[in-house]
Amino acid sequence: MRKSDKKLDNQIIKALTEVCHHALEDIDGFQWLTHTVNFDNFPQSLKVVCVFDSNSSLTDYEKSETNHYLTTLIASKLTSIGLALNNINNQVELDSEENCRLYHAGNWHKRLS
């Protein structure tokens, strides 16, 4: 990773940490988030994964009137660091701890790769 990539990754982490703090307070069942990125194909390769405790919580969020809250918040925080994503809906993924246990035996590293 180039020094400039590391600097940008740290800015992304800081912005997404703020998103996480808001989401933990505002969204029932939300647990954590992470991101993956390939800086050789940036920003198109940036993917943010938002994790809920269960499929039930995930479904409740998806069916709620505020189901765009996470994507809006992520877009806003990334824009504040000068990073505007053209395809935010395809770059934010919702998942659950339950799905990871069912399909990848709880191994998030394997699930995210």
N, C-alpha and C. Protein backbone atom coordinates (compact mmCIF):
# COMPACT_ATOMS: atom_id res chain seq x y z
N MET A 1 0.85 -1.17 0.00
CA MET A 1 0.00 0.00 0.00
C MET A 1 0.90 1.24 0.00
N ARG A 2 0.62 2.11 -0.92
CA ARG A 2 1.36 3.37 -1.00
C ARG A 2 1.01 4.27 0.20
N LYS A 3 1.91 5.17 0.50
CA LYS A 3 1.70 6.08 1.62
C LYS A 3 0.42 6.89 1.43
N SER A 4 0.16 7.34 0.20
CA SER A 4 -1.06 8.11 -0.08
C SER A 4 -2.31 7.25 0.10
N ASP A 5 -2.21 5.95 -0.25
CA ASP A 5 -3.34 5.04 -0.06
C ASP A 5 -3.63 4.86 1.43
N LYS A 6 -2.59 4.71 2.22
CA LYS A 6 -2.74 4.53 3.66
C LYS A 6 -3.38 5.77 4.29
N LYS A 7 -2.96 6.95 3.84
CA LYS A 7 -3.53 8.20 4.35
C LYS A 7 -5.03 8.27 4.02
N LEU A 8 -5.38 7.94 2.78
CA LEU A 8 -6.78 7.94 2.38
C LEU A 8 -7.58 6.89 3.14
N ASP A 9 -7.01 5.71 3.33
CA ASP A 9 -7.69 4.65 4.07
C ASP A 9 -7.96 5.10 5.51
N ASN A 10 -7.02 5.79 6.12
CA ASN A 10 -7.23 6.30 7.47
C ASN A 10 -8.36 7.33 7.51
N GLN A 11 -8.48 8.16 6.48
CA GLN A 11 -9.59 9.12 6.41
C GLN A 11 -10.92 8.39 6.27
N ILE A 12 -10.94 7.35 5.45
CA ILE A 12 -12.16 6.55 5.26
C ILE A 12 -12.55 5.90 6.59
N ILE A 13 -11.58 5.33 7.27
CA ILE A 13 -11.85 4.69 8.57
C ILE A 13 -12.43 5.69 9.56
N LYS A 14 -11.87 6.87 9.61
CA LYS A 14 -12.37 7.90 10.53
C LYS A 14 -13.81 8.28 10.20
N ALA A 15 -14.10 8.48 8.92
CA ALA A 15 -15.46 8.84 8.50
C ALA A 15 -16.45 7.71 8.81
N LEU A 16 -16.04 6.47 8.53
CA LEU A 16 -16.94 5.33 8.76
C LEU A 16 -17.11 5.05 10.26
N THR A 17 -16.12 5.39 11.07
CA THR A 17 -16.26 5.25 12.52
C THR A 17 -17.36 6.18 13.02
N GLU A 18 -17.42 7.39 12.48
CA GLU A 18 -18.50 8.31 12.84
C GLU A 18 -19.85 7.75 12.42
N VAL A 19 -19.93 7.17 11.23
CA VAL A 19 -21.17 6.53 10.77
C VAL A 19 -21.57 5.44 11.75
N CYS A 20 -20.61 4.63 12.14
CA CYS A 20 -20.89 3.52 13.06
C CYS A 20 -21.47 4.02 14.37
N HIS A 21 -20.88 5.06 14.94
CA HIS A 21 -21.37 5.60 16.21
C HIS A 21 -22.83 6.07 16.08
N HIS A 22 -23.14 6.76 15.00
CA HIS A 22 -24.52 7.22 14.78
C HIS A 22 -25.46 6.03 14.60
N ALA A 23 -25.05 5.06 13.80
CA ALA A 23 -25.91 3.91 13.52
C ALA A 23 -26.17 3.08 14.77
N LEU A 24 -25.16 2.93 15.62
CA LEU A 24 -25.36 2.18 16.88
C LEU A 24 -26.43 2.85 17.75
N GLU A 25 -26.48 4.16 17.72
CA GLU A 25 -27.47 4.89 18.51
C GLU A 25 -28.85 4.87 17.87
N ASP A 26 -28.91 4.90 16.54
CA ASP A 26 -30.17 5.16 15.84
C ASP A 26 -30.86 3.95 15.22
N ILE A 27 -30.15 2.85 15.02
CA ILE A 27 -30.74 1.72 14.28
C ILE A 27 -30.76 0.47 15.15
N ASP A 28 -31.95 -0.05 15.41
CA ASP A 28 -32.09 -1.27 16.19
C ASP A 28 -31.43 -2.44 15.47
N GLY A 29 -30.61 -3.17 16.18
CA GLY A 29 -29.99 -4.37 15.63
C GLY A 29 -28.68 -4.14 14.89
N PHE A 30 -28.37 -2.87 14.62
CA PHE A 30 -27.09 -2.60 13.95
C PHE A 30 -25.97 -2.92 14.91
N GLN A 31 -24.90 -3.58 14.39
CA GLN A 31 -23.79 -3.99 15.24
C GLN A 31 -22.48 -3.29 14.91
N TRP A 32 -22.09 -3.30 13.64
CA TRP A 32 -20.80 -2.75 13.25
C TRP A 32 -20.76 -2.62 11.73
N LEU A 33 -19.68 -2.00 11.24
CA LEU A 33 -19.47 -1.92 9.80
C LEU A 33 -17.99 -2.04 9.50
N THR A 34 -17.69 -2.36 8.26
CA THR A 34 -16.31 -2.44 7.80
C THR A 34 -16.27 -2.06 6.34
N HIS A 35 -15.08 -1.97 5.81
CA HIS A 35 -14.97 -1.67 4.38
C HIS A 35 -13.84 -2.47 3.77
N THR A 36 -13.96 -2.66 2.47
CA THR A 36 -12.89 -3.25 1.68
C THR A 36 -12.62 -2.31 0.52
N VAL A 37 -11.38 -2.32 0.06
CA VAL A 37 -11.03 -1.44 -1.06
C VAL A 37 -9.78 -1.97 -1.75
N ASN A 38 -9.76 -1.81 -3.05
CA ASN A 38 -8.57 -2.08 -3.86
C ASN A 38 -8.17 -0.72 -4.44
N PHE A 39 -7.08 -0.16 -3.95
CA PHE A 39 -6.71 1.19 -4.36
C PHE A 39 -6.26 1.28 -5.82
N ASP A 40 -6.04 0.14 -6.46
CA ASP A 40 -5.74 0.16 -7.90
C ASP A 40 -6.99 0.46 -8.72
N ASN A 41 -8.16 0.28 -8.11
CA ASN A 41 -9.44 0.54 -8.77
C ASN A 41 -10.33 1.39 -7.86
N PHE A 42 -9.76 2.44 -7.35
CA PHE A 42 -10.46 3.30 -6.40
C PHE A 42 -11.05 4.50 -7.13
N PRO A 43 -12.23 4.95 -6.83
CA PRO A 43 -13.09 4.60 -5.71
C PRO A 43 -14.13 3.52 -6.03
N GLN A 44 -14.16 3.04 -7.26
CA GLN A 44 -15.17 2.05 -7.65
C GLN A 44 -15.11 0.77 -6.81
N SER A 45 -13.93 0.42 -6.32
CA SER A 45 -13.77 -0.83 -5.57
C SER A 45 -14.16 -0.70 -4.10
N LEU A 46 -14.41 0.50 -3.63
CA LEU A 46 -14.76 0.67 -2.22
C LEU A 46 -16.11 0.03 -1.94
N LYS A 47 -16.15 -0.83 -0.93
CA LYS A 47 -17.39 -1.46 -0.51
C LYS A 47 -17.48 -1.33 1.00
N VAL A 48 -18.64 -0.88 1.47
CA VAL A 48 -18.91 -0.75 2.90
C VAL A 48 -19.95 -1.80 3.26
N VAL A 49 -19.64 -2.60 4.27
CA VAL A 49 -20.54 -3.66 4.72
C VAL A 49 -21.06 -3.28 6.11
N CYS A 50 -22.38 -3.17 6.23
CA CYS A 50 -23.04 -2.82 7.48
C CYS A 50 -23.67 -4.09 8.04
N VAL A 51 -23.32 -4.42 9.28
CA VAL A 51 -23.71 -5.71 9.85
C VAL A 51 -24.74 -5.53 10.96
N PHE A 52 -25.79 -6.32 10.86
CA PHE A 52 -26.86 -6.37 11.86
C PHE A 52 -26.72 -7.65 12.68
N ASP A 53 -27.36 -7.67 13.85
CA ASP A 53 -27.23 -8.83 14.72
C ASP A 53 -27.96 -10.06 14.18
N SER A 54 -29.07 -9.86 13.47
CA SER A 54 -29.86 -10.99 12.99
C SER A 54 -30.53 -10.64 11.67
N ASN A 55 -31.00 -11.67 11.00
CA ASN A 55 -31.74 -11.44 9.76
C ASN A 55 -33.04 -10.70 10.03
N SER A 56 -33.63 -10.95 11.18
CA SER A 56 -34.86 -10.25 11.56
C SER A 56 -34.62 -8.75 11.67
N SER A 57 -33.56 -8.36 12.34
CA SER A 57 -33.23 -6.93 12.46
C SER A 57 -32.92 -6.32 11.11
N LEU A 58 -32.22 -7.08 10.28
CA LEU A 58 -31.88 -6.61 8.94
C LEU A 58 -33.14 -6.40 8.12
N THR A 59 -34.04 -7.34 8.16
CA THR A 59 -35.30 -7.23 7.43
C THR A 59 -36.14 -6.06 7.94
N ASP A 60 -36.19 -5.90 9.25
CA ASP A 60 -36.93 -4.77 9.82
C ASP A 60 -36.37 -3.44 9.31
N TYR A 61 -35.04 -3.33 9.27
CA TYR A 61 -34.42 -2.10 8.77
C TYR A 61 -34.76 -1.89 7.29
N GLU A 62 -34.64 -2.94 6.49
CA GLU A 62 -34.90 -2.83 5.05
C GLU A 62 -36.34 -2.45 4.76
N LYS A 63 -37.26 -2.85 5.62
CA LYS A 63 -38.69 -2.55 5.42
C LYS A 63 -39.11 -1.22 6.06
N SER A 64 -38.21 -0.61 6.82
CA SER A 64 -38.56 0.62 7.53
C SER A 64 -38.59 1.82 6.59
N GLU A 65 -39.22 2.88 7.05
CA GLU A 65 -39.27 4.12 6.28
C GLU A 65 -37.90 4.80 6.22
N THR A 66 -37.02 4.43 7.12
CA THR A 66 -35.68 5.04 7.17
C THR A 66 -34.61 4.12 6.60
N ASN A 67 -35.00 3.27 5.66
CA ASN A 67 -34.07 2.26 5.14
C ASN A 67 -32.94 2.83 4.27
N HIS A 68 -32.95 4.13 4.03
CA HIS A 68 -31.84 4.75 3.29
C HIS A 68 -30.92 5.54 4.22
N TYR A 69 -31.18 5.45 5.51
CA TYR A 69 -30.40 6.21 6.49
C TYR A 69 -28.91 5.87 6.39
N LEU A 70 -28.57 4.60 6.36
CA LEU A 70 -27.15 4.22 6.32
C LEU A 70 -26.45 4.71 5.06
N THR A 71 -27.06 4.49 3.90
CA THR A 71 -26.41 4.94 2.67
C THR A 71 -26.28 6.46 2.63
N THR A 72 -27.28 7.15 3.11
CA THR A 72 -27.24 8.61 3.15
C THR A 72 -26.15 9.10 4.10
N LEU A 73 -26.06 8.48 5.26
CA LEU A 73 -25.06 8.86 6.24
C LEU A 73 -23.65 8.54 5.74
N ILE A 74 -23.47 7.38 5.15
CA ILE A 74 -22.17 7.00 4.60
C ILE A 74 -21.76 7.98 3.49
N ALA A 75 -22.68 8.25 2.58
CA ALA A 75 -22.38 9.19 1.49
C ALA A 75 -22.00 10.56 2.04
N SER A 76 -22.72 11.02 3.04
CA SER A 76 -22.46 12.33 3.63
C SER A 76 -21.08 12.38 4.28
N LYS A 77 -20.76 11.37 5.07
CA LYS A 77 -19.46 11.36 5.77
C LYS A 77 -18.31 11.21 4.78
N LEU A 78 -18.48 10.41 3.74
CA LEU A 78 -17.41 10.27 2.74
C LEU A 78 -17.25 11.55 1.92
N THR A 79 -18.35 12.20 1.62
CA THR A 79 -18.29 13.48 0.90
C THR A 79 -17.54 14.52 1.74
N SER A 80 -17.71 14.46 3.05
CA SER A 80 -17.04 15.43 3.93
C SER A 80 -15.52 15.30 3.90
N ILE A 81 -15.01 14.15 3.43
CA ILE A 81 -13.56 13.99 3.28
C ILE A 81 -13.14 14.08 1.81
N GLY A 82 -14.08 14.55 0.97
CA GLY A 82 -13.77 14.77 -0.44
C GLY A 82 -13.93 13.54 -1.31
N LEU A 83 -14.69 12.57 -0.83
CA LEU A 83 -14.87 11.33 -1.57
C LEU A 83 -16.35 11.15 -1.93
N ALA A 84 -16.70 11.46 -3.16
CA ALA A 84 -18.08 11.28 -3.63
C ALA A 84 -18.16 10.00 -4.44
N LEU A 85 -19.05 9.11 -4.03
CA LEU A 85 -19.22 7.85 -4.74
C LEU A 85 -20.38 7.97 -5.72
N ASN A 86 -20.14 7.55 -6.95
CA ASN A 86 -21.17 7.64 -7.99
C ASN A 86 -22.24 6.57 -7.84
N ASN A 87 -21.90 5.45 -7.23
CA ASN A 87 -22.81 4.31 -7.18
C ASN A 87 -22.96 3.80 -5.75
N ILE A 88 -23.32 4.68 -4.83
CA ILE A 88 -23.35 4.36 -3.41
C ILE A 88 -24.25 3.17 -3.10
N ASN A 89 -25.38 3.03 -3.79
CA ASN A 89 -26.28 1.92 -3.50
C ASN A 89 -25.66 0.57 -3.82
N ASN A 90 -24.74 0.53 -4.76
CA ASN A 90 -24.05 -0.73 -5.07
C ASN A 90 -22.79 -0.91 -4.25
N GLN A 91 -22.38 0.12 -3.54
CA GLN A 91 -21.15 0.04 -2.77
C GLN A 91 -21.38 -0.10 -1.27
N VAL A 92 -22.63 -0.07 -0.87
CA VAL A 92 -23.00 -0.33 0.51
C VAL A 92 -23.80 -1.62 0.54
N GLU A 93 -23.36 -2.53 1.36
CA GLU A 93 -24.00 -3.84 1.46
C GLU A 93 -24.47 -4.04 2.90
N LEU A 94 -25.65 -4.62 3.04
CA LEU A 94 -26.18 -4.93 4.37
C LEU A 94 -26.05 -6.43 4.59
N ASP A 95 -25.65 -6.81 5.79
CA ASP A 95 -25.44 -8.22 6.09
C ASP A 95 -25.80 -8.45 7.55
N SER A 96 -25.67 -9.70 8.00
CA SER A 96 -25.98 -9.99 9.39
C SER A 96 -25.02 -11.02 9.96
N GLU A 97 -24.85 -10.96 11.27
CA GLU A 97 -24.06 -11.97 11.98
C GLU A 97 -24.65 -13.35 11.73
N GLU A 98 -25.97 -13.42 11.68
CA GLU A 98 -26.66 -14.69 11.46
C GLU A 98 -26.27 -15.30 10.11
N ASN A 99 -26.25 -14.49 9.06
CA ASN A 99 -25.86 -15.00 7.74
C ASN A 99 -24.42 -15.49 7.73
N CYS A 100 -23.54 -14.78 8.41
CA CYS A 100 -22.14 -15.19 8.46
C CYS A 100 -22.00 -16.54 9.17
N ARG A 101 -22.73 -16.71 10.26
CA ARG A 101 -22.69 -18.00 10.97
C ARG A 101 -23.23 -19.12 10.10
N LEU A 102 -24.32 -18.85 9.39
CA LEU A 102 -24.96 -19.89 8.57
C LEU A 102 -24.12 -20.30 7.38
N TYR A 103 -23.51 -19.33 6.70
CA TYR A 103 -22.86 -19.61 5.42
C TYR A 103 -21.33 -19.65 5.47
N HIS A 104 -20.75 -19.08 6.53
CA HIS A 104 -19.28 -19.06 6.60
C HIS A 104 -18.78 -19.41 8.00
N ALA A 105 -19.58 -20.10 8.77
CA ALA A 105 -19.20 -20.56 10.11
C ALA A 105 -18.66 -19.43 10.98
N GLY A 106 -19.20 -18.23 10.79
CA GLY A 106 -18.79 -17.08 11.60
C GLY A 106 -17.47 -16.44 11.19
N ASN A 107 -16.92 -16.85 10.07
CA ASN A 107 -15.62 -16.35 9.60
C ASN A 107 -15.83 -15.14 8.69
N TRP A 108 -15.76 -13.95 9.27
CA TRP A 108 -16.00 -12.73 8.50
C TRP A 108 -14.93 -12.49 7.45
N HIS A 109 -13.70 -12.86 7.75
CA HIS A 109 -12.62 -12.68 6.77
C HIS A 109 -12.95 -13.44 5.49
N LYS A 110 -13.40 -14.66 5.66
CA LYS A 110 -13.76 -15.48 4.48
C LYS A 110 -14.99 -14.90 3.78
N ARG A 111 -15.96 -14.47 4.56
CA ARG A 111 -17.20 -13.92 3.98
C ARG A 111 -16.94 -12.65 3.17
N LEU A 112 -16.03 -11.82 3.63
CA LEU A 112 -15.77 -10.55 2.98
C LEU A 112 -14.83 -10.66 1.79
N SER A 113 -14.12 -11.77 1.68
CA SER A 113 -13.17 -11.89 0.57
C SER A 113 -13.79 -12.45 -0.68
